[in-house]
Amino acid sequence: MTPLHADVLVIGGGLGGVAAALAAARAGRTVTITEEYDWLGGQLTSQGVPPDEHTWIEQFGATASYRALRDGIREHYRRWYPLTAAARSEVALNPGAGLVSRLCAEPRASVHVLDGLLAPHISAGRIRVIRNVRPVAATRDGGRVATVEVESTRDGDRTLLTGDYVLDATETGELLPLADVPFVTGFESRSETGEPSAPEQAQPENQQAFSWCFIIDHVDGADHTIDRPADYDEWLAQEPDFWGAPMISLTGPDPRTLETFTRTFTPTIDTDPLALVADQRAAGGDRELWTFRRILAKGLFESGAFESDIVLVNWPMIDYLGGTLTAGDREEHLAAAKRQSLAMLYWLQTEAPRPDGGRGWPGLRLRGDVAGTEDGFAQAPYIRESRRIRAEYTVVEQDLSIAIRGHGRPATFDDTVGVGMYRIDLHPTTGGDNYLDIASAPFEIPLGALIPVGVENLLPAGKNIGTTHITNGAFRLHPVEWNIGEAAGSLAAFCIDRSTTPHHVRADARLLAEFQSLLSRNGVELHWPDVAGY
């Protein structure tokens, strides 16, 4: 099998992978990027999830290329959609007027913009995209990853790939075990990390829940009720001890206070979408689930353009707690997570309480056309936690927690390669833990967290960097993943150009300063202004 070679090989086409490919191509390097699903973009597209972002995202705290992505999504709606005059004049247009983010949009809009960002590099021959493949094997030559073999998810054909640098941008760090790179999963022990919120003993199989999201709208007077799932009663009976109610309901714990409360769900809601502003400092936005992750608000468009809002269902009730995706029974858990989501949909259509005292919203309709699927579900599961490299530096709770640090000023690192910000937000886990929510300071991304031990030419480009189970909760979000990928792609190109290694870049003050200067010139913010966390 003759390998396909590129200077930089990126395995995984999520946000980190795309950012890495763009950065390396911008530096003049050839890139091969692979993706398991039809769409590039990962959590923003194939997983369907609008970006979780910090409060200051419209002013600062993201790379220039991430801003280009956000601006492109807004321009997509201004150019092609029949916005009202008031919506069109909104500088910070939020097409879905969702409360989880200031930029809630349909996944396909993000796909168009991401493809557009890549297009000139593809035309120039700098970037090759291979879709619908997964990594299945890798070989090592001493301290270097020599080859990666990917397999088509459609026909099983295999392709051998090589690169001077190999970036693992997969959602679960799939290259790490294949390439024999040291990694960790789940909870580290308190004795290892010193984290107050860590358990006494390591719990590698205790990981955050993942979710299989789906997209719906509501056609008043219609009946789109799906067939009753065969295992519906089993899902209705699911009631974790800490939940306070059956999971298939509108009742559950508040992520920040852990108090049990009942959310509302009102597909007929008719509030002014321009009056809604997402602000994660104030609240999570999930009191009313119809507007929580709404990705298209019909009120922002000319009358009659859309018969309904369009909503992404990524709610606590579909968090799958039955197992992880880093063990051998991956396919079993993927199938079960989708069945749980299907049960939730059927409950919404038939049993959810309505304001008029009735039960069920039969007009709820799966929108596979919006998700890019036949069944209305996202192409891929929404994954919150990955295998994580054993890194030269691991970010721990003490680095970020305002309570531990005694203040909310930014967490700084001499080897910063970007910035990020989010509360430490951990969803319920497969080990039976409730939400863990910790007020976090804005942080810099240390280069040491991107450098694995035991291998020379592999870099993480997503959620697989050197964080712990706990600090992953602040690093796993969209703009941080993009920044990590951009730093990794830039670092790979930088090392090739100077015949050096990531380890030497971090260890050599001159090289580090040169690399940081390069990042700054390319629009990567390395430091925060004078802000405080929450």
Protein backbone atom coordinates (compact mmCIF):
# COMPACT_ATOMS: atom_id res chain seq x y z
CA MET A 1 0.00 0.00 0.00
CA THR A 2 1.60 3.26 -1.13
CA PRO A 3 1.12 5.94 1.53
CA LEU A 4 -0.27 9.40 0.90
CA HIS A 5 2.19 11.89 2.36
CA ALA A 6 1.80 15.46 3.58
CA ASP A 7 3.97 17.66 5.75
CA VAL A 8 1.26 17.67 8.42
CA LEU A 9 -1.23 14.85 8.90
CA VAL A 10 -4.36 15.83 10.86
CA ILE A 11 -6.53 12.93 11.99
CA GLY A 12 -9.95 14.29 12.87
CA GLY A 13 -11.83 17.14 11.20
CA GLY A 14 -13.47 18.79 14.18
CA LEU A 15 -12.90 22.43 15.08
CA GLY A 16 -9.38 21.75 16.35
CA GLY A 17 -8.52 19.74 13.26
CA VAL A 18 -9.79 22.39 10.85
CA ALA A 19 -7.95 25.14 12.73
CA ALA A 20 -4.76 23.07 12.70
CA ALA A 21 -5.04 22.42 8.96
CA LEU A 22 -5.62 26.09 8.22
CA ALA A 23 -2.67 27.17 10.36
CA ALA A 24 -0.26 24.71 8.78
CA ALA A 25 -1.44 25.55 5.26
CA ARG A 26 -1.15 29.26 5.99
CA ALA A 27 2.47 28.58 6.90
CA GLY A 28 2.99 27.03 3.46
CA ARG A 29 2.85 23.39 4.52
CA THR A 30 0.91 20.60 2.83
CA VAL A 31 -1.81 19.01 4.93
CA THR A 32 -3.95 15.89 4.85
CA ILE A 33 -6.99 16.09 7.11
CA THR A 34 -9.34 13.16 7.69
CA GLU A 35 -12.87 13.14 9.08
CA GLU A 36 -15.20 10.34 10.16
CA TYR A 37 -18.42 12.05 9.07
CA ASP A 38 -19.73 13.96 6.06
CA TRP A 39 -19.15 17.37 7.61
CA LEU A 40 -16.02 18.98 8.93
CA GLY A 41 -16.46 20.97 12.13
CA GLY A 42 -17.13 18.39 14.84
CA GLN A 43 -19.12 19.73 17.77
CA LEU A 44 -20.25 22.77 15.76
CA THR A 45 -21.56 20.80 12.75
CA SER A 46 -21.74 16.99 12.73
CA GLN A 47 -22.58 17.06 16.45
CA GLY A 48 -24.95 19.99 15.92
CA VAL A 49 -24.02 22.04 18.99
CA PRO A 50 -23.89 25.86 18.96
CA PRO A 51 -20.68 27.29 20.43
CA ASP A 52 -20.32 27.45 24.21
CA GLU A 53 -18.40 30.69 24.68
CA HIS A 54 -17.36 33.11 27.40
CA THR A 55 -19.10 36.41 28.07
CA TRP A 56 -16.49 38.62 26.36
CA ILE A 57 -16.38 36.69 23.08
CA GLU A 58 -17.69 39.63 21.02
CA GLN A 59 -14.81 41.84 22.20
CA PHE A 60 -11.77 39.64 22.86
CA GLY A 61 -10.64 36.22 23.99
CA ALA A 62 -10.41 34.31 20.69
CA THR A 63 -8.06 33.98 17.74
CA ALA A 64 -8.52 36.07 14.60
CA SER A 65 -9.32 32.97 12.55
CA TYR A 66 -12.04 31.93 15.02
CA ARG A 67 -13.49 35.42 14.68
CA ALA A 68 -13.45 34.97 10.91
CA LEU A 69 -15.50 31.82 11.37
CA ARG A 70 -18.03 33.60 13.59
CA ASP A 71 -18.22 36.60 11.24
CA GLY A 72 -18.67 34.26 8.29
CA ILE A 73 -21.64 32.53 9.90
CA ARG A 74 -23.37 35.87 10.45
CA GLU A 75 -22.57 36.99 6.92
CA HIS A 76 -24.05 33.74 5.60
CA TYR A 77 -27.40 34.68 7.10
CA ARG A 78 -27.20 38.30 5.98
CA ARG A 79 -26.37 37.27 2.43
CA TRP A 80 -28.77 34.40 1.88
CA TYR A 81 -31.65 34.63 4.41
CA PRO A 82 -34.66 36.96 4.45
CA LEU A 83 -33.82 38.70 7.73
CA THR A 84 -36.06 41.46 9.04
CA ALA A 85 -34.58 44.94 8.87
CA ALA A 86 -34.16 44.97 12.66
CA ALA A 87 -32.34 41.61 12.66
CA ARG A 88 -30.14 42.61 9.72
CA SER A 89 -28.98 45.70 11.59
CA GLU A 90 -27.81 43.65 14.58
CA VAL A 91 -24.02 43.73 14.62
CA ALA A 92 -23.90 40.67 16.86
CA LEU A 93 -26.63 38.80 14.99
CA ASN A 94 -27.72 35.62 16.77
CA PRO A 95 -29.75 33.70 14.13
CA GLY A 96 -31.27 31.33 16.66
CA ALA A 97 -31.62 33.82 19.52
CA GLY A 98 -30.61 30.90 21.70
CA LEU A 99 -29.61 31.48 25.30
CA VAL A 100 -26.62 29.15 25.40
CA SER A 101 -24.56 31.32 23.05
CA ARG A 102 -24.49 34.68 21.31
CA LEU A 103 -24.14 32.83 18.02
CA CYS A 104 -26.66 30.01 17.75
CA ALA A 105 -27.00 28.87 14.14
CA GLU A 106 -27.85 25.86 12.01
CA PRO A 107 -24.94 23.43 11.62
CA ARG A 108 -25.06 23.64 7.84
CA ALA A 109 -24.34 27.38 7.97
CA SER A 110 -21.13 26.60 9.85
CA VAL A 111 -20.29 23.89 7.33
CA HIS A 112 -20.50 26.38 4.47
CA VAL A 113 -18.17 28.80 6.23
CA LEU A 114 -15.63 26.16 7.25
CA ASP A 115 -15.57 24.76 3.71
CA GLY A 116 -15.07 28.31 2.44
CA LEU A 117 -12.12 28.91 4.75
CA LEU A 118 -10.47 25.73 3.46
CA ALA A 119 -11.38 26.22 -0.21
CA PRO A 120 -8.40 28.32 -1.42
CA HIS A 121 -5.93 25.95 0.22
CA ILE A 122 -7.66 22.95 -1.35
CA SER A 123 -7.56 24.62 -4.76
CA ALA A 124 -3.86 25.40 -4.28
CA GLY A 125 -3.15 21.77 -3.44
CA ARG A 126 -2.00 22.53 0.10
CA ILE A 127 -4.88 20.75 1.82
CA ARG A 128 -6.32 17.32 1.02
CA VAL A 129 -9.55 16.34 2.79
CA ILE A 130 -10.51 12.68 3.22
CA ARG A 131 -14.02 12.18 4.62
CA ASN A 132 -15.82 9.18 6.07
CA VAL A 133 -12.74 7.45 7.47
CA ARG A 134 -11.57 6.47 10.95
CA PRO A 135 -8.05 5.66 12.16
CA VAL A 136 -7.59 1.95 12.77
CA ALA A 137 -3.82 1.47 13.03
CA ALA A 138 -0.58 3.37 13.50
CA THR A 139 3.09 2.47 13.55
CA ARG A 140 6.04 3.95 15.39
CA ASP A 141 9.66 4.40 14.36
CA GLY A 142 11.34 4.95 17.69
CA GLY A 143 10.01 8.19 19.13
CA ARG A 144 8.10 9.16 16.00
CA VAL A 145 4.73 8.13 14.60
CA ALA A 146 5.60 6.71 11.18
CA THR A 147 2.25 5.82 9.60
CA VAL A 148 -1.46 6.03 10.25
CA GLU A 149 -3.97 3.76 8.55
CA VAL A 150 -7.57 4.92 8.12
CA GLU A 151 -10.57 2.83 7.15
CA SER A 152 -13.62 3.94 5.20
CA THR A 153 -16.83 3.87 7.22
CA ARG A 154 -18.70 3.11 4.00
CA ASP A 155 -16.85 0.29 2.25
CA GLY A 156 -14.01 -0.70 4.58
CA ASP A 157 -11.24 0.31 2.19
CA ARG A 158 -8.04 1.35 3.90
CA THR A 159 -5.61 4.16 3.14
CA LEU A 160 -2.08 4.53 4.51
CA LEU A 161 -1.08 8.06 5.50
CA THR A 162 2.19 9.65 6.56
CA GLY A 163 3.26 13.07 7.75
CA ASP A 164 6.32 14.72 9.21
CA TYR A 165 3.99 15.72 12.03
CA VAL A 166 0.85 13.86 13.05
CA LEU A 167 -1.94 15.68 14.89
CA ASP A 168 -4.60 13.81 16.82
CA ALA A 169 -7.73 15.92 16.46
CA THR A 170 -10.16 13.05 17.00
CA GLU A 171 -13.00 13.48 19.48
CA THR A 172 -11.78 10.75 21.83
CA GLY A 173 -8.00 10.77 21.25
CA GLU A 174 -8.17 7.69 19.07
CA LEU A 175 -4.58 7.91 17.85
CA LEU A 176 -3.14 7.75 21.34
CA PRO A 177 -3.63 4.01 21.98
CA LEU A 178 -2.99 3.16 18.32
CA ALA A 179 0.38 4.93 18.40
CA ASP A 180 1.25 3.77 21.93
CA VAL A 181 1.26 7.34 23.28
CA PRO A 182 0.85 7.54 27.09
CA PHE A 183 -2.59 8.83 28.03
CA VAL A 184 -5.12 9.02 30.83
CA THR A 185 -8.91 8.72 30.93
CA GLY A 186 -11.50 9.66 33.51
CA PHE A 187 -10.75 10.95 36.99
CA GLU A 188 -7.14 11.17 38.15
CA SER A 189 -6.53 10.59 41.85
CA ARG A 190 -6.12 13.44 44.32
CA SER A 191 -2.66 12.13 45.21
CA GLU A 192 -1.58 12.51 41.58
CA THR A 193 -3.00 15.97 40.83
CA GLY A 194 -3.53 17.56 44.24
CA GLU A 195 -6.99 18.66 43.11
CA PRO A 196 -9.44 19.09 46.00
CA SER A 197 -12.35 17.89 43.83
CA ALA A 198 -10.58 14.71 42.69
CA PRO A 199 -11.33 11.33 44.32
CA GLU A 200 -8.85 9.50 46.53
CA GLN A 201 -8.40 6.77 43.93
CA ALA A 202 -8.14 7.16 40.15
CA GLN A 203 -11.33 6.28 38.26
CA PRO A 204 -10.38 5.83 34.58
CA GLU A 205 -13.85 4.67 33.51
CA ASN A 206 -15.60 7.53 35.32
CA GLN A 207 -16.11 10.00 32.48
CA GLN A 208 -18.54 12.76 31.55
CA ALA A 209 -21.72 11.69 29.82
CA PHE A 210 -21.95 12.09 26.07
CA SER A 211 -25.19 12.87 24.26
CA TRP A 212 -26.73 12.08 20.89
CA CYS A 213 -28.44 15.32 19.92
CA PHE A 214 -31.31 15.82 17.52
CA ILE A 215 -32.98 18.75 15.77
CA ILE A 216 -36.70 19.55 15.81
CA ASP A 217 -39.23 22.14 14.83
CA HIS A 218 -42.95 22.33 15.63
CA VAL A 219 -45.83 22.31 13.14
CA ASP A 220 -48.98 23.35 14.97
CA GLY A 221 -51.91 21.04 14.22
CA ALA A 222 -49.77 18.34 12.60
CA ASP A 223 -48.97 14.91 13.99
CA HIS A 224 -45.36 13.81 13.55
CA THR A 225 -45.36 11.37 16.46
CA ILE A 226 -42.79 8.64 15.97
CA ASP A 227 -43.46 4.98 16.70
CA ARG A 228 -43.28 4.15 20.38
CA PRO A 229 -39.70 2.93 21.03
CA ALA A 230 -39.57 -0.74 22.00
CA ASP A 231 -37.53 0.04 25.13
CA TYR A 232 -39.44 3.20 26.06
CA ASP A 233 -40.54 1.90 29.47
CA GLU A 234 -36.94 1.06 30.34
CA TRP A 235 -35.84 4.62 29.67
CA LEU A 236 -38.79 6.01 31.62
CA ALA A 237 -37.58 4.02 34.62
CA GLN A 238 -34.08 5.53 34.53
CA GLU A 239 -33.72 7.67 37.67
CA PRO A 240 -30.16 8.17 38.99
CA ASP A 241 -30.00 8.66 42.75
CA PHE A 242 -28.76 12.25 42.40
CA TRP A 243 -31.25 13.28 39.68
CA GLY A 244 -34.33 13.72 41.84
CA ALA A 245 -36.71 12.58 39.10
CA PRO A 246 -36.88 10.28 36.07
CA MET A 247 -34.36 11.47 33.48
CA ILE A 248 -37.02 11.34 30.77
CA SER A 249 -38.87 14.38 32.09
CA LEU A 250 -38.35 18.13 32.47
CA THR A 251 -37.11 17.78 36.06
CA GLY A 252 -33.52 17.42 37.16
CA PRO A 253 -30.64 19.08 39.00
CA ASP A 254 -29.55 22.64 38.42
CA PRO A 255 -25.97 22.35 37.09
CA ARG A 256 -24.71 25.10 39.39
CA THR A 257 -26.69 24.61 42.60
CA LEU A 258 -27.62 20.91 42.23
CA GLU A 259 -31.12 21.73 43.45
CA THR A 260 -33.83 19.78 41.66
CA PHE A 261 -36.16 21.93 39.57
CA THR A 262 -38.53 21.60 36.65
CA ARG A 263 -37.80 23.31 33.36
CA THR A 264 -40.43 24.50 30.91
CA PHE A 265 -40.77 23.51 27.26
CA THR A 266 -43.00 25.69 25.08
CA PRO A 267 -42.76 25.22 21.29
CA THR A 268 -45.46 27.88 20.81
CA ILE A 269 -43.44 30.55 22.64
CA ASP A 270 -43.67 33.91 20.87
CA THR A 271 -41.30 36.27 22.68
CA ASP A 272 -39.25 38.87 20.82
CA PRO A 273 -35.99 37.10 19.84
CA LEU A 274 -34.11 40.41 19.72
CA ALA A 275 -34.85 40.90 23.42
CA LEU A 276 -32.96 37.76 24.39
CA VAL A 277 -29.24 38.03 25.13
CA ALA A 278 -27.15 35.03 26.15
CA ASP A 279 -25.12 35.69 29.29
CA GLN A 280 -23.54 32.66 30.91
CA ARG A 281 -22.50 34.78 33.92
CA ALA A 282 -26.14 35.33 34.85
CA ALA A 283 -27.50 31.81 34.28
CA GLY A 284 -27.17 28.78 32.07
CA GLY A 285 -30.18 29.77 29.96
CA ASP A 286 -31.87 26.39 30.28
CA ARG A 287 -35.02 27.35 32.23
CA GLU A 288 -37.04 27.36 29.00
CA LEU A 289 -35.78 24.54 26.83
CA TRP A 290 -37.32 25.74 23.56
CA THR A 291 -35.13 28.85 23.54
CA PHE A 292 -32.11 27.28 25.28
CA ARG A 293 -30.42 25.89 22.16
CA ARG A 294 -32.67 27.34 19.48
CA ILE A 295 -30.68 27.54 16.24
CA LEU A 296 -33.16 29.46 14.09
CA ALA A 297 -35.69 31.96 15.46
CA LYS A 298 -38.44 32.52 12.92
CA GLY A 299 -39.15 35.95 14.41
CA LEU A 300 -35.85 37.23 13.02
CA PHE A 301 -36.97 36.57 9.46
CA GLU A 302 -39.61 37.98 7.18
CA SER A 303 -43.15 36.89 7.93
CA GLY A 304 -43.92 33.47 6.47
CA ALA A 305 -40.31 32.56 5.71
CA PHE A 306 -40.37 29.80 8.34
CA GLU A 307 -43.34 28.07 9.92
CA SER A 308 -41.42 27.31 13.09
CA ASP A 309 -38.30 27.97 15.09
CA ILE A 310 -35.67 25.24 14.79
CA VAL A 311 -34.23 23.82 18.01
CA LEU A 312 -31.31 21.59 18.87
CA VAL A 313 -32.07 19.14 21.67
CA ASN A 314 -28.89 18.94 23.74
CA TRP A 315 -30.36 18.87 27.20
CA PRO A 316 -29.40 17.13 30.46
CA MET A 317 -32.15 14.54 29.93
CA ILE A 318 -30.25 12.94 27.05
CA ASP A 319 -26.89 12.73 28.86
CA TYR A 320 -25.98 9.06 28.48
CA LEU A 321 -24.61 7.56 31.70
CA GLY A 322 -24.43 3.90 30.69
CA GLY A 323 -20.81 3.72 29.59
CA THR A 324 -17.88 5.36 27.83
CA LEU A 325 -16.59 5.56 24.27
CA THR A 326 -13.00 4.74 25.17
CA ALA A 327 -13.62 1.06 25.91
CA GLY A 328 -14.31 -1.95 23.70
CA ASP A 329 -18.10 -1.66 23.81
CA ARG A 330 -18.17 1.70 22.00
CA GLU A 331 -20.79 0.73 19.40
CA GLU A 332 -23.12 -0.62 22.07
CA HIS A 333 -23.05 2.65 23.98
CA LEU A 334 -23.47 4.74 20.84
CA ALA A 335 -26.62 2.79 19.96
CA ALA A 336 -27.98 3.07 23.50
CA ALA A 337 -27.40 6.83 23.61
CA LYS A 338 -29.42 7.27 20.43
CA ARG A 339 -32.24 5.12 21.87
CA GLN A 340 -32.28 7.32 24.99
CA SER A 341 -32.67 10.42 22.82
CA LEU A 342 -35.40 8.72 20.81
CA ALA A 343 -37.27 7.98 24.04
CA MET A 344 -36.96 11.64 25.02
CA LEU A 345 -38.42 12.73 21.69
CA TYR A 346 -41.36 10.34 22.02
CA TRP A 347 -42.02 11.61 25.55
CA LEU A 348 -42.00 15.21 24.30
CA GLN A 349 -44.50 14.29 21.58
CA THR A 350 -46.83 12.31 23.82
CA GLU A 351 -46.38 13.12 27.52
CA ALA A 352 -44.66 16.48 28.05
CA PRO A 353 -46.88 18.92 29.98
CA ARG A 354 -48.39 21.80 28.00
CA PRO A 355 -49.45 25.22 29.33
CA ASP A 356 -53.09 24.37 28.52
CA GLY A 357 -53.00 21.37 30.86
CA GLY A 358 -52.73 18.83 28.08
CA ARG A 359 -49.96 16.35 27.39
CA GLY A 360 -47.57 16.02 24.49
CA TRP A 361 -46.62 18.04 21.42
CA PRO A 362 -47.38 15.79 18.43
CA GLY A 363 -46.42 18.61 16.08
CA LEU A 364 -42.75 18.20 16.96
CA ARG A 365 -40.92 17.13 13.83
CA LEU A 366 -37.43 15.70 13.41
CA ARG A 367 -35.38 17.80 10.98
CA GLY A 368 -32.93 15.45 9.36
CA ASP A 369 -32.49 17.90 6.51
CA VAL A 370 -31.03 20.41 8.97
CA ALA A 371 -28.82 17.80 10.67
CA GLY A 372 -27.60 16.33 7.39
CA THR A 373 -29.05 12.91 8.18
CA GLU A 374 -32.02 10.77 7.23
CA ASP A 375 -33.21 10.16 10.79
CA GLY A 376 -33.07 13.71 12.18
CA PHE A 377 -30.31 12.96 14.66
CA ALA A 378 -26.92 14.60 14.52
CA GLN A 379 -24.37 12.79 12.41
CA ALA A 380 -22.16 12.24 15.45
CA PRO A 381 -22.55 12.07 19.23
CA TYR A 382 -21.67 15.15 21.25
CA ILE A 383 -18.57 14.16 23.20
CA ARG A 384 -17.40 16.06 26.27
CA GLU A 385 -14.39 14.05 27.34
CA SER A 386 -11.48 12.43 25.52
CA ARG A 387 -8.40 10.42 26.23
CA ARG A 388 -5.79 12.95 27.33
CA ILE A 389 -2.07 12.91 26.75
CA ARG A 390 0.46 12.58 29.51
CA ALA A 391 1.88 16.03 28.92
CA GLU A 392 4.95 18.02 29.85
CA TYR A 393 2.54 20.19 31.81
CA THR A 394 -0.95 19.23 32.99
CA VAL A 395 -3.43 21.97 33.88
CA VAL A 396 -5.02 21.26 37.25
CA GLU A 397 -7.94 22.63 39.25
CA GLN A 398 -5.58 24.78 41.32
CA ASP A 399 -4.58 26.68 38.17
CA LEU A 400 -8.16 27.77 37.40
CA SER A 401 -10.41 27.67 40.46
CA ILE A 402 -11.23 31.12 41.81
CA ALA A 403 -11.96 29.64 45.23
CA ILE A 404 -8.53 28.02 45.45
CA ARG A 405 -6.61 30.91 43.90
CA GLY A 406 -8.44 33.51 45.96
CA HIS A 407 -9.12 35.76 42.96
CA GLY A 408 -10.48 35.64 39.42
CA ARG A 409 -7.60 37.30 37.60
CA PRO A 410 -6.29 35.42 34.56
CA ALA A 411 -4.20 32.28 35.02
CA THR A 412 -0.93 32.94 33.22
CA PHE A 413 1.82 30.71 31.83
CA ASP A 414 5.20 31.74 30.45
CA ASP A 415 4.70 29.38 27.51
CA THR A 416 1.21 30.64 26.58
CA VAL A 417 -0.04 29.82 23.08
CA GLY A 418 -3.54 31.26 23.41
CA VAL A 419 -6.38 32.02 25.78
CA GLY A 420 -9.62 30.46 26.93
CA MET A 421 -12.40 30.98 29.41
CA TYR A 422 -15.30 28.95 30.76
CA ARG A 423 -16.53 27.73 34.10
CA ILE A 424 -15.28 24.28 35.01
CA ASP A 425 -18.48 22.66 33.81
CA LEU A 426 -18.62 18.89 34.25
CA HIS A 427 -21.78 16.99 33.34
CA PRO A 428 -22.93 13.92 35.28
CA THR A 429 -20.61 10.99 34.87
CA THR A 430 -20.68 7.30 34.10
CA GLY A 431 -19.47 6.71 37.66
CA GLY A 432 -22.57 8.27 39.22
CA ASP A 433 -21.31 11.77 39.99
CA ASN A 434 -23.62 14.76 39.71
CA TYR A 435 -22.65 18.00 37.97
CA LEU A 436 -19.43 19.62 39.12
CA ASP A 437 -19.48 23.37 38.57
CA ILE A 438 -16.52 25.48 39.67
CA ALA A 439 -16.08 29.21 39.12
CA SER A 440 -13.02 29.57 36.93
CA ALA A 441 -10.59 32.33 36.03
CA PRO A 442 -9.77 33.23 32.43
CA PHE A 443 -6.71 31.23 31.46
CA GLU A 444 -3.83 31.08 29.07
CA ILE A 445 -3.19 27.81 27.23
CA PRO A 446 0.27 26.50 28.13
CA LEU A 447 2.38 25.02 25.36
CA GLY A 448 3.45 22.32 27.79
CA ALA A 449 -0.10 20.94 27.75
CA LEU A 450 0.27 20.31 23.98
CA ILE A 451 3.51 18.33 24.23
CA PRO A 452 3.12 14.61 24.97
CA VAL A 453 5.70 12.54 26.74
CA GLY A 454 7.12 9.57 24.91
CA VAL A 455 6.68 10.73 21.33
CA GLU A 456 8.36 13.41 19.23
CA ASN A 457 6.11 14.23 16.28
CA LEU A 458 2.55 13.75 17.55
CA LEU A 459 0.57 16.70 18.86
CA PRO A 460 -2.94 16.87 20.33
CA ALA A 461 -5.33 19.25 18.59
CA GLY A 462 -8.51 19.06 20.62
CA LYS A 463 -9.85 17.87 23.97
CA ASN A 464 -6.93 15.43 24.27
CA ILE A 465 -4.39 17.93 25.62
CA GLY A 466 -2.80 17.85 29.06
CA THR A 467 -5.76 18.68 31.25
CA THR A 468 -7.32 16.62 34.01
CA HIS A 469 -10.84 15.23 34.12
CA ILE A 470 -11.71 18.37 36.08
CA THR A 471 -10.00 21.09 34.05
CA ASN A 472 -11.15 19.50 30.82
CA GLY A 473 -14.50 21.01 31.83
CA ALA A 474 -13.14 24.48 31.03
CA PHE A 475 -10.99 23.56 28.02
CA ARG A 476 -13.45 21.45 26.01
CA LEU A 477 -15.47 24.30 24.49
CA HIS A 478 -15.53 25.52 20.90
CA PRO A 479 -13.20 28.57 20.90
CA VAL A 480 -10.62 26.85 23.12
CA GLU A 481 -10.58 23.75 20.92
CA TRP A 482 -10.07 25.98 17.87
CA ASN A 483 -7.19 27.83 19.58
CA ILE A 484 -5.57 24.53 20.59
CA GLY A 485 -5.80 23.26 17.02
CA GLU A 486 -4.43 26.50 15.58
CA ALA A 487 -1.50 26.40 18.00
CA ALA A 488 -0.78 22.75 17.18
CA GLY A 489 -0.88 23.31 13.41
CA SER A 490 1.32 26.38 13.74
CA LEU A 491 3.75 24.49 15.97
CA ALA A 492 4.06 21.60 13.52
CA ALA A 493 4.88 23.97 10.66
CA PHE A 494 7.27 25.96 12.86
CA CYS A 495 9.17 22.82 13.86
CA ILE A 496 9.44 21.61 10.26
CA ASP A 497 10.71 24.99 9.09
CA ARG A 498 13.39 25.11 11.80
CA SER A 499 14.26 21.41 11.98
CA THR A 500 13.43 21.34 15.67
CA THR A 501 10.91 19.65 17.96
CA PRO A 502 8.05 20.89 20.15
CA HIS A 503 10.03 19.96 23.24
CA HIS A 504 12.94 22.13 22.17
CA VAL A 505 10.64 25.03 21.30
CA ARG A 506 9.31 25.05 24.84
CA ALA A 507 12.71 24.51 26.45
CA ASP A 508 14.57 27.17 24.45
CA ALA A 509 13.60 30.73 25.46
CA ARG A 510 14.63 32.15 22.08
CA LEU A 511 12.63 29.60 20.08
CA LEU A 512 9.64 29.99 22.38
CA ALA A 513 9.65 33.77 22.01
CA GLU A 514 9.93 33.42 18.23
CA PHE A 515 7.01 31.01 18.12
CA GLN A 516 4.84 33.17 20.38
CA SER A 517 5.64 36.20 18.22
CA LEU A 518 4.56 34.25 15.14
CA LEU A 519 1.26 33.32 16.82
CA SER A 520 0.64 36.95 17.76
CA ARG A 521 1.27 38.16 14.22
CA ASN A 522 -1.27 35.60 13.00
CA GLY A 523 -3.94 36.90 15.36
CA VAL A 524 -3.64 34.52 18.29
CA GLU A 525 -4.25 36.36 21.56
CA LEU A 526 -1.67 35.20 24.09
CA HIS A 527 -2.85 37.17 27.12
CA TRP A 528 -6.07 38.45 28.64
CA PRO A 529 -6.78 42.10 29.35
CA ASP A 530 -7.65 43.07 32.91
CA VAL A 531 -10.73 40.88 33.42
CA ALA A 532 -11.91 38.56 36.17
CA GLY A 533 -13.53 35.17 35.95
CA TYR A 534 -16.78 33.77 37.25
